[in-house]
């Protein structure tokens, strides 16, 4: 767990163990270095650090391993990522991530000892609310990074913070209508104690969501998006082979454009269910046609 190999670390990042979090954090690290020249460290579990190495991360981003054994937490061996788990075990991964607190604290102490000062700040995932306490101990600033947009993030926060757990101090509570006890971890509410929030969105696109989020959290909120892979920022993105992480695309970008060109302006609505959700074909298609907001529609399923 070498901290910096002789280089001063200005910012330490800690993303959650999922592609939808690792990739935006890596993109943010690149953007921060581009504008400030800061050296940045990204800390995570060994297999996720191995994945980040495969993304050809530049030399100013230092990738630091935190020890983690999935089997110690009731997970299959060598499962450190949401994509390796069924949906019903992702909650266990979230709970197990609290075990990273001590090694992460030790990593920061190592950086402090080697360079004589703590990092300028820690940018951590919203699922790691415990980083607020660690940042205070090492005398630095913690900023929470929500890799989603502002409106969706606020809906998620408001939903969780107003569920029945408000009526109990237990970390498990019964949710009406569900057969099993629903587990809740307090990391989300703890992350709202950080100095501020980064959101992967744009002020001009989400003025309402950002305004609501600022009023609800009473925190400074900075829209820093969109954070996209470098190849998507080229002038001719269709000429590049853009492949979804660890998966082949179900359809080429060229065919998507051809299909869109067959339809009129404002006639296509794109809905993403997220990479961790499983929706049955019947739920998606409803026999392939339907009526929404008084308009007929046709459902096109683009694959997994």
C-alpha atoms as a PDB file:
ATOM      1  CA  UNK A   1       0.000   0.000   0.000  1.00  0.00           C
ATOM      2  CA  UNK A   2       2.662   2.486  -1.052  1.00  0.00           C
ATOM      3  CA  UNK A   3       1.185   5.959  -0.907  1.00  0.00           C
ATOM      4  CA  UNK A   4       2.949   8.183  -3.392  1.00  0.00           C
ATOM      5  CA  UNK A   5       6.337   6.865  -4.611  1.00  0.00           C
ATOM      6  CA  UNK A   6       8.027  10.179  -3.777  1.00  0.00           C
ATOM      7  CA  UNK A   7       5.364  12.436  -5.308  1.00  0.00           C
ATOM      8  CA  UNK A   8       3.214  14.759  -3.241  1.00  0.00           C
ATOM      9  CA  UNK A   9      -0.426  13.716  -3.264  1.00  0.00           C
ATOM     10  CA  UNK A  10      -2.750  16.708  -3.457  1.00  0.00           C
ATOM     11  CA  UNK A  11      -6.104  14.917  -3.651  1.00  0.00           C
ATOM     12  CA  UNK A  12      -7.188  11.427  -2.638  1.00  0.00           C
ATOM     13  CA  UNK A  13     -10.286   9.916  -4.250  1.00  0.00           C
ATOM     14  CA  UNK A  14     -12.340   6.973  -3.041  1.00  0.00           C
ATOM     15  CA  UNK A  15     -15.015   5.756  -5.483  1.00  0.00           C
ATOM     16  CA  UNK A  16     -17.554   3.030  -4.811  1.00  0.00           C
ATOM     17  CA  UNK A  17     -16.846  -0.367  -6.359  1.00  0.00           C
ATOM     18  CA  UNK A  18     -18.913  -0.085  -9.530  1.00  0.00           C
ATOM     19  CA  UNK A  19     -18.117   0.966 -13.096  1.00  0.00           C
ATOM     20  CA  UNK A  20     -20.656   3.786 -12.911  1.00  0.00           C
ATOM     21  CA  UNK A  21     -18.584   5.251 -10.074  1.00  0.00           C
ATOM     22  CA  UNK A  22     -15.008   4.288 -10.971  1.00  0.00           C
ATOM     23  CA  UNK A  23     -15.188   5.772 -14.483  1.00  0.00           C
ATOM     24  CA  UNK A  24     -16.541   9.229 -13.453  1.00  0.00           C
ATOM     25  CA  UNK A  25     -13.975   9.427 -10.649  1.00  0.00           C
ATOM     26  CA  UNK A  26     -11.189   8.667 -13.127  1.00  0.00           C
ATOM     27  CA  UNK A  27     -12.553  11.265 -15.546  1.00  0.00           C
ATOM     28  CA  UNK A  28     -12.789  13.822 -12.732  1.00  0.00           C
ATOM     29  CA  UNK A  29      -9.199  13.114 -11.696  1.00  0.00           C
ATOM     30  CA  UNK A  30      -8.046  13.799 -15.250  1.00  0.00           C
ATOM     31  CA  UNK A  31      -9.999  17.052 -15.422  1.00  0.00           C
ATOM     32  CA  UNK A  32      -8.680  18.292 -12.075  1.00  0.00           C
ATOM     33  CA  UNK A  33      -5.091  17.593 -13.102  1.00  0.00           C
ATOM     34  CA  UNK A  34      -5.631  19.261 -16.474  1.00  0.00           C
ATOM     35  CA  UNK A  35      -6.787  22.485 -14.811  1.00  0.00           C
ATOM     36  CA  UNK A  36      -4.591  22.496 -11.677  1.00  0.00           C
ATOM     37  CA  UNK A  37      -1.599  20.215 -12.211  1.00  0.00           C
ATOM     38  CA  UNK A  38      -2.400  18.444  -8.935  1.00  0.00           C
ATOM     39  CA  UNK A  39      -1.222  14.896  -8.303  1.00  0.00           C
ATOM     40  CA  UNK A  40      -4.156  12.669  -7.487  1.00  0.00           C
ATOM     41  CA  UNK A  41      -4.439   9.269  -5.841  1.00  0.00           C
ATOM     42  CA  UNK A  42      -7.379   6.922  -6.340  1.00  0.00           C
ATOM     43  CA  UNK A  43      -7.725   4.314  -3.604  1.00  0.00           C
ATOM     44  CA  UNK A  44      -9.776   1.147  -3.909  1.00  0.00           C
ATOM     45  CA  UNK A  45      -9.769  -2.607  -3.488  1.00  0.00           C
ATOM     46  CA  UNK A  46      -7.123  -4.645  -5.353  1.00  0.00           C
ATOM     47  CA  UNK A  47      -9.295  -5.922  -8.207  1.00  0.00           C
ATOM     48  CA  UNK A  48     -10.722  -2.475  -8.874  1.00  0.00           C
ATOM     49  CA  UNK A  49      -7.240  -0.962  -8.887  1.00  0.00           C
ATOM     50  CA  UNK A  50      -6.267  -3.660 -11.382  1.00  0.00           C
ATOM     51  CA  UNK A  51      -9.214  -2.586 -13.543  1.00  0.00           C
ATOM     52  CA  UNK A  52      -8.167   1.086 -13.365  1.00  0.00           C
ATOM     53  CA  UNK A  53      -4.645   0.125 -14.454  1.00  0.00           C
ATOM     54  CA  UNK A  54      -6.224  -1.469 -17.538  1.00  0.00           C
ATOM     55  CA  UNK A  55      -7.810   1.894 -18.402  1.00  0.00           C
ATOM     56  CA  UNK A  56      -4.339   3.312 -19.139  1.00  0.00           C
ATOM     57  CA  UNK A  57      -4.541   5.870 -16.352  1.00  0.00           C
ATOM     58  CA  UNK A  58      -1.916   8.644 -16.760  1.00  0.00           C
ATOM     59  CA  UNK A  59       1.184   8.883 -14.525  1.00  0.00           C
ATOM     60  CA  UNK A  60      -0.169  11.780 -12.457  1.00  0.00           C
ATOM     61  CA  UNK A  61      -2.914   9.505 -11.129  1.00  0.00           C
ATOM     62  CA  UNK A  62      -1.556   7.173  -8.455  1.00  0.00           C
ATOM     63  CA  UNK A  63      -3.563   3.984  -7.927  1.00  0.00           C
ATOM     64  CA  UNK A  64      -3.424   2.732  -4.339  1.00  0.00           C
ATOM     65  CA  UNK A  65      -4.729  -0.601  -3.073  1.00  0.00           C
ATOM     66  CA  UNK A  66      -6.792  -1.039   0.075  1.00  0.00           C
ATOM     67  CA  UNK A  67      -6.855  -4.597   1.471  1.00  0.00           C
ATOM     68  CA  UNK A  68     -10.242  -6.267   1.138  1.00  0.00           C
ATOM     69  CA  UNK A  69     -11.406  -9.883   1.348  1.00  0.00           C
ATOM     70  CA  UNK A  70     -14.927 -10.392   0.036  1.00  0.00           C
ATOM     71  CA  UNK A  71     -15.252 -13.841   1.620  1.00  0.00           C
ATOM     72  CA  UNK A  72     -14.848 -12.251   5.074  1.00  0.00           C
ATOM     73  CA  UNK A  73     -18.160 -10.482   4.503  1.00  0.00           C
ATOM     74  CA  UNK A  74     -20.332 -13.306   3.207  1.00  0.00           C
ATOM     75  CA  UNK A  75     -19.570 -12.590  -0.453  1.00  0.00           C
ATOM     76  CA  UNK A  76     -18.114 -15.034  -2.993  1.00  0.00           C
ATOM     77  CA  UNK A  77     -14.299 -15.036  -3.186  1.00  0.00           C
ATOM     78  CA  UNK A  78     -12.715 -12.327  -5.359  1.00  0.00           C
ATOM     79  CA  UNK A  79     -15.911 -10.311  -5.772  1.00  0.00           C
ATOM     80  CA  UNK A  80     -15.079  -6.650  -5.274  1.00  0.00           C
ATOM     81  CA  UNK A  81     -17.380  -5.118  -7.852  1.00  0.00           C
ATOM     82  CA  UNK A  82     -21.144  -4.833  -8.369  1.00  0.00           C
ATOM     83  CA  UNK A  83     -20.897  -6.387 -11.824  1.00  0.00           C
ATOM     84  CA  UNK A  84     -19.674  -9.627 -10.244  1.00  0.00           C
ATOM     85  CA  UNK A  85     -22.704  -9.898  -7.958  1.00  0.00           C
ATOM     86  CA  UNK A  86     -26.425 -10.559  -8.309  1.00  0.00           C
ATOM     87  CA  UNK A  87     -28.669  -7.654  -7.405  1.00  0.00           C
ATOM     88  CA  UNK A  88     -29.637  -9.104  -4.011  1.00  0.00           C
ATOM     89  CA  UNK A  89     -25.980  -9.141  -2.871  1.00  0.00           C
ATOM     90  CA  UNK A  90     -25.045  -5.582  -3.802  1.00  0.00           C
ATOM     91  CA  UNK A  91     -26.360  -4.404  -0.435  1.00  0.00           C
ATOM     92  CA  UNK A  92     -23.886  -6.757   1.232  1.00  0.00           C
ATOM     93  CA  UNK A  93     -21.070  -5.177  -0.772  1.00  0.00           C
ATOM     94  CA  UNK A  94     -22.185  -1.726   0.376  1.00  0.00           C
ATOM     95  CA  UNK A  95     -22.220  -2.876   4.005  1.00  0.00           C
ATOM     96  CA  UNK A  96     -18.835  -4.585   3.685  1.00  0.00           C
ATOM     97  CA  UNK A  97     -17.243  -1.401   2.335  1.00  0.00           C
ATOM     98  CA  UNK A  98     -17.244   0.014   5.869  1.00  0.00           C
ATOM     99  CA  UNK A  99     -14.295  -2.338   6.485  1.00  0.00           C
ATOM    100  CA  UNK A 100     -12.225  -0.033   4.242  1.00  0.00           C
ATOM    101  CA  UNK A 101     -12.318   2.719   6.874  1.00  0.00           C
ATOM    102  CA  UNK A 102      -9.269   1.589   8.857  1.00  0.00           C
ATOM    103  CA  UNK A 103      -6.985   0.834   5.873  1.00  0.00           C
ATOM    104  CA  UNK A 104      -8.039   4.108   4.233  1.00  0.00           C
ATOM    105  CA  UNK A 105      -7.226   5.992   7.436  1.00  0.00           C
ATOM    106  CA  UNK A 106      -3.838   4.263   7.568  1.00  0.00           C
ATOM    107  CA  UNK A 107      -3.199   5.229   3.953  1.00  0.00           C
ATOM    108  CA  UNK A 108      -3.835   8.892   4.741  1.00  0.00           C
ATOM    109  CA  UNK A 109      -1.559   8.715   7.785  1.00  0.00           C
ATOM    110  CA  UNK A 110       1.149   7.251   5.553  1.00  0.00           C
ATOM    111  CA  UNK A 111       0.757  10.148   3.106  1.00  0.00           C
ATOM    112  CA  UNK A 112       0.838  12.627   5.999  1.00  0.00           C
ATOM    113  CA  UNK A 113       4.026  11.110   7.399  1.00  0.00           C
ATOM    114  CA  UNK A 114       5.834  11.028   4.041  1.00  0.00           C
ATOM    115  CA  UNK A 115       4.982  14.503   2.788  1.00  0.00           C
ATOM    116  CA  UNK A 116       4.542  16.367   6.060  1.00  0.00           C
ATOM    117  CA  UNK A 117       0.976  17.484   5.343  1.00  0.00           C
ATOM    118  CA  UNK A 118      -2.336  15.841   4.575  1.00  0.00           C
ATOM    119  CA  UNK A 119      -3.865  15.925   1.093  1.00  0.00           C
ATOM    120  CA  UNK A 120      -5.642  19.152   0.208  1.00  0.00           C
ATOM    121  CA  UNK A 121      -8.922  17.260   0.171  1.00  0.00           C
ATOM    122  CA  UNK A 122     -10.569  13.855  -0.079  1.00  0.00           C
ATOM    123  CA  UNK A 123     -13.223  13.307  -2.752  1.00  0.00           C
ATOM    124  CA  UNK A 124     -15.293  10.315  -1.738  1.00  0.00           C
ATOM    125  CA  UNK A 125     -18.341   8.478  -2.969  1.00  0.00           C
ATOM    126  CA  UNK A 126     -21.724   9.183  -1.436  1.00  0.00           C
ATOM    127  CA  UNK A 127     -21.801   5.566  -0.151  1.00  0.00           C
ATOM    128  CA  UNK A 128     -18.745   6.248   2.028  1.00  0.00           C
ATOM    129  CA  UNK A 129     -20.136   8.601   4.646  1.00  0.00           C
ATOM    130  CA  UNK A 130     -17.518   7.394   7.130  1.00  0.00           C
ATOM    131  CA  UNK A 131     -14.887   9.370   5.185  1.00  0.00           C
ATOM    132  CA  UNK A 132     -16.209  12.530   6.867  1.00  0.00           C
ATOM    133  CA  UNK A 133     -14.840  11.287  10.209  1.00  0.00           C
ATOM    134  CA  UNK A 134     -11.520  10.177   8.699  1.00  0.00           C
ATOM    135  CA  UNK A 135     -11.023  13.554   7.000  1.00  0.00           C
ATOM    136  CA  UNK A 136     -11.584  15.366  10.286  1.00  0.00           C
ATOM    137  CA  UNK A 137      -9.026  13.182  12.061  1.00  0.00           C
ATOM    138  CA  UNK A 138      -6.289  13.928   9.496  1.00  0.00           C
ATOM    139  CA  UNK A 139      -7.314  17.606   9.287  1.00  0.00           C
ATOM    140  CA  UNK A 140      -8.403  17.856   5.682  1.00  0.00           C
ATOM    141  CA  UNK A 141     -11.575  18.598   3.728  1.00  0.00           C
ATOM    142  CA  UNK A 142     -13.995  15.951   2.484  1.00  0.00           C
ATOM    143  CA  UNK A 143     -16.196  16.491  -0.565  1.00  0.00           C
ATOM    144  CA  UNK A 144     -18.841  13.967  -1.563  1.00  0.00           C
ATOM    145  CA  UNK A 145     -19.137  13.146  -5.263  1.00  0.00           C
ATOM    146  CA  UNK A 146     -22.536  12.017  -6.560  1.00  0.00           C
ATOM    147  CA  UNK A 147     -21.888  10.426  -9.951  1.00  0.00           C
ATOM    148  CA  UNK A 148     -25.529  10.873 -10.925  1.00  0.00           C
ATOM    149  CA  UNK A 149     -27.419  14.055 -11.739  1.00  0.00           C
ATOM    150  CA  UNK A 150     -28.731  16.401  -9.056  1.00  0.00           C
ATOM    151  CA  UNK A 151     -32.455  15.654  -9.349  1.00  0.00           C
ATOM    152  CA  UNK A 152     -32.004  11.884  -9.191  1.00  0.00           C
ATOM    153  CA  UNK A 153     -29.533  12.157  -6.326  1.00  0.00           C
ATOM    154  CA  UNK A 154     -31.911  14.319  -4.302  1.00  0.00           C
ATOM    155  CA  UNK A 155     -34.777  11.875  -4.942  1.00  0.00           C
ATOM    156  CA  UNK A 156     -32.557   9.040  -3.682  1.00  0.00           C
ATOM    157  CA  UNK A 157     -31.463  10.980  -0.595  1.00  0.00           C
ATOM    158  CA  UNK A 158     -34.957  12.160   0.272  1.00  0.00           C
ATOM    159  CA  UNK A 159     -36.404   8.675  -0.183  1.00  0.00           C
ATOM    160  CA  UNK A 160     -33.905   7.006   2.128  1.00  0.00           C
ATOM    161  CA  UNK A 161     -33.828   9.713   4.771  1.00  0.00           C
ATOM    162  CA  UNK A 162     -37.614   9.643   5.164  1.00  0.00           C
ATOM    163  CA  UNK A 163     -38.151   5.879   5.303  1.00  0.00           C
ATOM    164  CA  UNK A 164     -39.202   4.072   8.526  1.00  0.00           C
ATOM    165  CA  UNK A 165     -35.616   3.978   9.800  1.00  0.00           C
ATOM    166  CA  UNK A 166     -36.318   7.497  11.071  1.00  0.00           C
ATOM    167  CA  UNK A 167     -38.439   5.831  13.786  1.00  0.00           C
ATOM    168  CA  UNK A 168     -35.759   3.442  15.031  1.00  0.00           C
ATOM    169  CA  UNK A 169     -32.066   3.398  15.886  1.00  0.00           C
ATOM    170  CA  UNK A 170     -31.662  -0.114  14.491  1.00  0.00           C
ATOM    171  CA  UNK A 171     -29.940  -0.684  11.162  1.00  0.00           C
ATOM    172  CA  UNK A 172     -32.715  -3.106  10.182  1.00  0.00           C
ATOM    173  CA  UNK A 173     -36.374  -2.241   9.919  1.00  0.00           C
ATOM    174  CA  UNK A 174     -39.547  -3.646   8.397  1.00  0.00           C
ATOM    175  CA  UNK A 175     -40.715  -2.057   5.182  1.00  0.00           C
ATOM    176  CA  UNK A 176     -44.490  -2.424   4.652  1.00  0.00           C
ATOM    177  CA  UNK A 177     -45.356  -4.605   1.682  1.00  0.00           C
ATOM    178  CA  UNK A 178     -42.027  -6.447   1.644  1.00  0.00           C
ATOM    179  CA  UNK A 179     -41.654 -10.010   2.983  1.00  0.00           C
ATOM    180  CA  UNK A 180     -38.086  -9.612   4.285  1.00  0.00           C
ATOM    181  CA  UNK A 181     -36.422  -7.181   6.645  1.00  0.00           C
ATOM    182  CA  UNK A 182     -34.863  -4.320   4.707  1.00  0.00           C
ATOM    183  CA  UNK A 183     -31.336  -3.386   5.714  1.00  0.00           C
ATOM    184  CA  UNK A 184     -30.300   0.248   5.899  1.00  0.00           C
ATOM    185  CA  UNK A 185     -26.817   1.615   6.408  1.00  0.00           C
ATOM    186  CA  UNK A 186     -26.350   5.212   7.635  1.00  0.00           C
ATOM    187  CA  UNK A 187     -23.540   6.080   5.196  1.00  0.00           C
ATOM    188  CA  UNK A 188     -25.792   8.169   2.953  1.00  0.00           C
ATOM    189  CA  UNK A 189     -26.851  10.536   5.727  1.00  0.00           C
ATOM    190  CA  UNK A 190     -23.253  10.714   6.991  1.00  0.00           C
ATOM    191  CA  UNK A 191     -22.030  11.787   3.550  1.00  0.00           C
ATOM    192  CA  UNK A 192     -24.253  14.858   3.861  1.00  0.00           C
ATOM    193  CA  UNK A 193     -21.952  16.057   6.658  1.00  0.00           C
ATOM    194  CA  UNK A 194     -19.131  16.616   4.164  1.00  0.00           C
ATOM    195  CA  UNK A 195     -17.954  20.090   3.171  1.00  0.00           C
ATOM    196  CA  UNK A 196     -19.850  20.047  -0.137  1.00  0.00           C
ATOM    197  CA  UNK A 197     -21.115  18.001  -3.059  1.00  0.00           C
ATOM    198  CA  UNK A 198     -19.923  17.405  -6.614  1.00  0.00           C
ATOM    199  CA  UNK A 199     -22.631  16.366  -9.085  1.00  0.00           C
ATOM    200  CA  UNK A 200     -22.073  14.865 -12.510  1.00  0.00           C
ATOM    201  CA  UNK A 201     -24.419  17.307 -14.222  1.00  0.00           C
ATOM    202  CA  UNK A 202     -24.635  20.765 -15.817  1.00  0.00           C
ATOM    203  CA  UNK A 203     -26.260  23.883 -14.356  1.00  0.00           C
ATOM    204  CA  UNK A 204     -27.974  24.759 -17.644  1.00  0.00           C
ATOM    205  CA  UNK A 205     -29.536  21.293 -17.947  1.00  0.00           C
ATOM    206  CA  UNK A 206     -30.591  20.777 -14.319  1.00  0.00           C
ATOM    207  CA  UNK A 207     -31.283  24.199 -12.771  1.00  0.00           C
ATOM    208  CA  UNK A 208     -34.298  22.886 -10.833  1.00  0.00           C
ATOM    209  CA  UNK A 209     -32.553  19.763  -9.517  1.00  0.00           C
ATOM    210  CA  UNK A 210     -29.481  21.712  -8.412  1.00  0.00           C
ATOM    211  CA  UNK A 211     -31.586  24.394  -6.753  1.00  0.00           C
ATOM    212  CA  UNK A 212     -33.601  21.799  -4.831  1.00  0.00           C
ATOM    213  CA  UNK A 213     -30.479  19.888  -3.824  1.00  0.00           C
ATOM    214  CA  UNK A 214     -28.798  23.029  -2.474  1.00  0.00           C
ATOM    215  CA  UNK A 215     -31.881  23.990  -0.484  1.00  0.00           C
ATOM    216  CA  UNK A 216     -32.368  20.477   0.938  1.00  0.00           C
ATOM    217  CA  UNK A 217     -28.773  19.723   1.927  1.00  0.00           C
ATOM    218  CA  UNK A 218     -27.750  23.297   2.859  1.00  0.00           C
ATOM    219  CA  UNK A 219     -24.374  22.461   1.289  1.00  0.00           C
ATOM    220  CA  UNK A 220     -22.429  24.032  -1.569  1.00  0.00           C
ATOM    221  CA  UNK A 221     -23.144  21.967  -4.692  1.00  0.00           C
ATOM    222  CA  UNK A 222     -20.880  22.157  -7.734  1.00  0.00           C
ATOM    223  CA  UNK A 223     -22.073  20.772 -11.095  1.00  0.00           C
ATOM    224  CA  UNK A 224     -18.924  19.360 -12.698  1.00  0.00           C
ATOM    225  CA  UNK A 225     -20.324  17.289 -15.582  1.00  0.00           C
ATOM    226  CA  UNK A 226     -20.664  15.833 -17.955  1.00  0.00           C
ATOM    227  CA  UNK A 227     -17.747  13.547 -17.170  1.00  0.00           C
ATOM    228  CA  UNK A 228     -17.286  11.401 -20.273  1.00  0.00           C
ATOM    229  CA  UNK A 229     -14.581   9.011 -21.504  1.00  0.00           C
ATOM    230  CA  UNK A 230     -11.945  10.820 -23.553  1.00  0.00           C
ATOM    231  CA  UNK A 231     -12.936   9.093 -26.808  1.00  0.00           C
ATOM    232  CA  UNK A 232     -16.464  10.509 -26.546  1.00  0.00           C
ATOM    233  CA  UNK A 233     -15.075  14.036 -26.406  1.00  0.00           C
ATOM    234  CA  UNK A 234     -13.464  13.791 -29.853  1.00  0.00           C
ATOM    235  CA  UNK A 235     -14.947  15.678 -32.784  1.00  0.00           C
ATOM    236  CA  UNK A 236     -16.030  12.458 -34.486  1.00  0.00           C
ATOM    237  CA  UNK A 237     -17.083  10.079 -31.702  1.00  0.00           C
ATOM    238  CA  UNK A 238     -18.769   7.736 -34.167  1.00  0.00           C
ATOM    239  CA  UNK A 239     -15.429   7.084 -35.852  1.00  0.00           C
ATOM    240  CA  UNK A 240     -14.017   5.691 -32.635  1.00  0.00           C
ATOM    241  CA  UNK A 241     -14.867   2.313 -31.235  1.00  0.00           C
ATOM    242  CA  UNK A 242     -16.577   3.152 -27.999  1.00  0.00           C
ATOM    243  CA  UNK A 243     -17.045   0.008 -25.964  1.00  0.00           C
ATOM    244  CA  UNK A 244     -18.959  -0.234 -22.751  1.00  0.00           C
ATOM    245  CA  UNK A 245     -16.731  -1.242 -19.886  1.00  0.00           C
ATOM    246  CA  UNK A 246     -16.122  -5.011 -19.831  1.00  0.00           C
ATOM    247  CA  UNK A 247     -18.970  -5.579 -22.307  1.00  0.00           C
ATOM    248  CA  UNK A 248     -19.448  -5.416 -26.031  1.00  0.00           C
ATOM    249  CA  UNK A 249     -22.128  -2.932 -27.155  1.00  0.00           C
ATOM    250  CA  UNK A 250     -25.367  -4.541 -28.263  1.00  0.00           C
ATOM    251  CA  UNK A 251     -25.622  -2.213 -31.242  1.00  0.00           C
ATOM    252  CA  UNK A 252     -23.179   0.076 -33.014  1.00  0.00           C
ATOM    253  CA  UNK A 253     -23.356   3.861 -32.688  1.00  0.00           C
ATOM    254  CA  UNK A 254     -23.799   4.124 -36.470  1.00  0.00           C
ATOM    255  CA  UNK A 255     -26.904   1.900 -36.428  1.00  0.00           C
ATOM    256  CA  UNK A 256     -28.353   3.922 -33.553  1.00  0.00           C
ATOM    257  CA  UNK A 257     -27.981   7.112 -35.589  1.00  0.00           C
ATOM    258  CA  UNK A 258     -29.505   5.453 -38.652  1.00  0.00           C
ATOM    259  CA  UNK A 259     -32.494   4.336 -36.606  1.00  0.00           C
ATOM    260  CA  UNK A 260     -32.917   7.797 -35.058  1.00  0.00           C
ATOM    261  CA  UNK A 261     -32.795   9.407 -38.512  1.00  0.00           C
ATOM    262  CA  UNK A 262     -35.881   7.371 -39.429  1.00  0.00           C
ATOM    263  CA  UNK A 263     -37.922   9.165 -36.776  1.00  0.00           C
ATOM    264  CA  UNK A 264     -39.107  12.729 -36.434  1.00  0.00           C
ATOM    265  CA  UNK A 265     -37.796  15.435 -34.134  1.00  0.00           C
ATOM    266  CA  UNK A 266     -38.788  14.948 -30.461  1.00  0.00           C
ATOM    267  CA  UNK A 267     -40.393  11.602 -31.261  1.00  0.00           C
ATOM    268  CA  UNK A 268     -37.946   9.339 -29.391  1.00  0.00           C
ATOM    269  CA  UNK A 269     -37.723   8.943 -25.619  1.00  0.00           C
ATOM    270  CA  UNK A 270     -34.638   7.159 -24.255  1.00  0.00           C
ATOM    271  CA  UNK A 271     -34.965   5.401 -20.888  1.00  0.00           C
ATOM    272  CA  UNK A 272     -32.052   3.736 -19.099  1.00  0.00           C
ATOM    273  CA  UNK A 273     -32.832   1.343 -16.263  1.00  0.00           C
ATOM    274  CA  UNK A 274     -29.224   1.319 -15.043  1.00  0.00           C
ATOM    275  CA  UNK A 275     -26.635  -1.419 -15.197  1.00  0.00           C
ATOM    276  CA  UNK A 276     -27.709  -3.132 -11.955  1.00  0.00           C
ATOM    277  CA  UNK A 277     -31.425  -3.524 -12.652  1.00  0.00           C
ATOM    278  CA  UNK A 278     -33.096  -6.563 -14.173  1.00  0.00           C
ATOM    279  CA  UNK A 279     -36.359  -5.878 -15.973  1.00  0.00           C
ATOM    280  CA  UNK A 280     -38.394  -8.648 -17.543  1.00  0.00           C
ATOM    281  CA  UNK A 281     -39.124  -8.463 -21.299  1.00  0.00           C
ATOM    282  CA  UNK A 282     -42.830  -8.280 -20.475  1.00  0.00           C
ATOM    283  CA  UNK A 283     -42.297  -5.249 -18.244  1.00  0.00           C
ATOM    284  CA  UNK A 284     -40.201  -3.522 -20.893  1.00  0.00           C
ATOM    285  CA  UNK A 285     -42.362  -4.151 -23.921  1.00  0.00           C
ATOM    286  CA  UNK A 286     -45.975  -4.488 -22.788  1.00  0.00           C
ATOM    287  CA  UNK A 287     -46.534  -6.326 -26.099  1.00  0.00           C
ATOM    288  CA  UNK A 288     -44.361  -3.776 -27.886  1.00  0.00           C
ATOM    289  CA  UNK A 289     -46.910  -0.986 -28.179  1.00  0.00           C
ATOM    290  CA  UNK A 290     -48.845   1.195 -25.799  1.00  0.00           C
ATOM    291  CA  UNK A 291     -50.061   4.648 -24.953  1.00  0.00           C
ATOM    292  CA  UNK A 292     -48.206   7.182 -22.835  1.00  0.00           C
ATOM    293  CA  UNK A 293     -49.262  10.784 -22.182  1.00  0.00           C
ATOM    294  CA  UNK A 294     -51.943  10.419 -24.858  1.00  0.00           C
ATOM    295  CA  UNK A 295     -49.470   9.352 -27.536  1.00  0.00           C
ATOM    296  CA  UNK A 296     -48.904   5.968 -29.115  1.00  0.00           C
ATOM    297  CA  UNK A 297     -45.449   4.531 -28.736  1.00  0.00           C
ATOM    298  CA  UNK A 298     -43.313   1.661 -29.962  1.00  0.00           C
ATOM    299  CA  UNK A 299     -40.844  -0.044 -27.630  1.00  0.00           C
ATOM    300  CA  UNK A 300     -37.382  -0.889 -28.943  1.00  0.00           C
ATOM    301  CA  UNK A 301     -35.160  -3.003 -26.648  1.00  0.00           C
ATOM    302  CA  UNK A 302     -31.467  -2.488 -27.421  1.00  0.00           C
ATOM    303  CA  UNK A 303     -30.192  -5.473 -25.460  1.00  0.00           C
ATOM    304  CA  UNK A 304     -28.628  -5.922 -22.019  1.00  0.00           C
END
